[in-house]
Amino acid sequence: MLAKEVLDSVDVIKDMYIRAVTCARIGERLAKEGNPLYKEAFLKAVDIAEKIDDPVLMLKALLSLGFSMRKAGIKAYGKIYRKVMESIADLPPEAADEVLGTAVMYSISLGRIDEAIEYAISIQNPALRDKALLVIVRKNTSLIEKDRIKIAYRIRKSKLAVEYIKDEAVKSKALLEIIRSYILMESYANAISTILEIKKREWAKQAFKEVVMKLSSRGVLGEYAGMLVDVAQKLIKKFDADFRIELAMAFSIAGEGRKAVELIRMEADDPTPDLIDVAKRLFEIDRSALIGFMKGLRLQEAREVGKVILNAVLESPESVDPVFVVSVARLSRSDEVWVKAARYLVQIGNIKEAWRIATSLQSDRLRSIVLASIAHRLVREGEIEKAIDAALEVRDPKISSMLVAEILVGAMDVVKKRVSENG
């Protein structure tokens, strides 16, 4: 089928709007191919659009025509858009907003951010206007990701769009986009300071977390850690004290455990409960970050955190790596925590390592607890002689005797089971 036949066949389309848009798209293709028939296609699109009874659909069809002309490099598209903008004045506000919203989307698709902002701020419905402006800012960020030319210019345009946004939730989302743009620009100080402009708690938390993670991945977090701590303190005062936990989590996950601890300690009479809170959350989502966090703790803090973490380990030992457990015990520097680590090792069947820990403990009481755990495990495994050896290692004669007695009584169950199994 020849191009002329294709163009003539558009007349079979019953819907006038679709017919006009189709003519415009064919005209765009023809113009790009250098086929002079493109003029006829565009003129036909204009003629069809102007015959549409619904004024909103008519103007949308003309916008689509202008869009196709602009993509084809036809300068006359500007006349089409001006005609549409003049005609909007005769429409009711709701209808005018609908057309303007369409104009915004076409301008964004063309990368013409100035025009998009101009159309967006003309929308009378505040919610629709804010939504359109947010779309513009997001598009600008995506353009920066694809093309680093004119980054500063694009950020200025995004900031201009944000100035017109009234709803704080929408503005917070838009500011997050500007922060992302600053990071792409490697303007990290501006990215950090912009966080303070966000007035919605959840978006401020998201922005802070993203900045910390991005700076960490780029190897510059240490350079800006002080500035981030200052911003964190201001955010805590701006929102609430609980926000301190969220920000400390962000630092920890990014590998700045010591900064997280520092943040928790600031202006806290007793930081231990919050330190434990952060540690418990890290235990659930990032145990590597928890080890880094514990390295920043003082002795007593580390002991309290270690106890809580290893209590959690003992509740579900099968889901925990032994290396992690031993690391927590070492950082806790507490025999009580080492006992919990040894009990965990007994639970997973690592008797040798648990025995090593037991023999290193100075407290007879704690040593007895571990050896008793080892002995009971050995009995369950049918290793009666080894269980008795473990019991005899207990230094307190009375406790040792009671443990051996218990083992021997338990051994009867093992003997009975073996006899039953052998028939």
Foldseek 3Di string as FASTA:
>chain_A
DDLVVVLVVLVVDPDLLVSLLVLLQSLLVCLQVVNPCSVVSLVVSLVSLVPDPPLLSSLLSLLSSLLSCVSSVNPCSVVSVVVSVVVLVPDDLVSSLVSLLSNLVSCLVVVNLVSNLVSLLPRDPLVSSLVSLLVSLLSLLVVCVVPVPCLVVSLVSLVVSLVSRDDLVSSLSSLLSSLSSCVSVVVLLVSLVSLLVRLDLVSSLVSLLVSLQSCLVVPCNVVCLVVSLVSQVVSCVSPHVVSLLSNLLSCLVSLNLLSSVVSLPPPDPDSLVSLLVSLVVCLVPPLVSSLSNLLNDDQVSLLVNLVVSLVVCVVPVVVDDLVSLVSSVVSNVDLVSLLSSLLSCLVVPVLVVSLVSLVPDPDLVSSQSSLLSNLVSCLVVVNLVVSLVSLVVRPPVVSSVVSNVVSVVSNVVVVVVVVVVVD
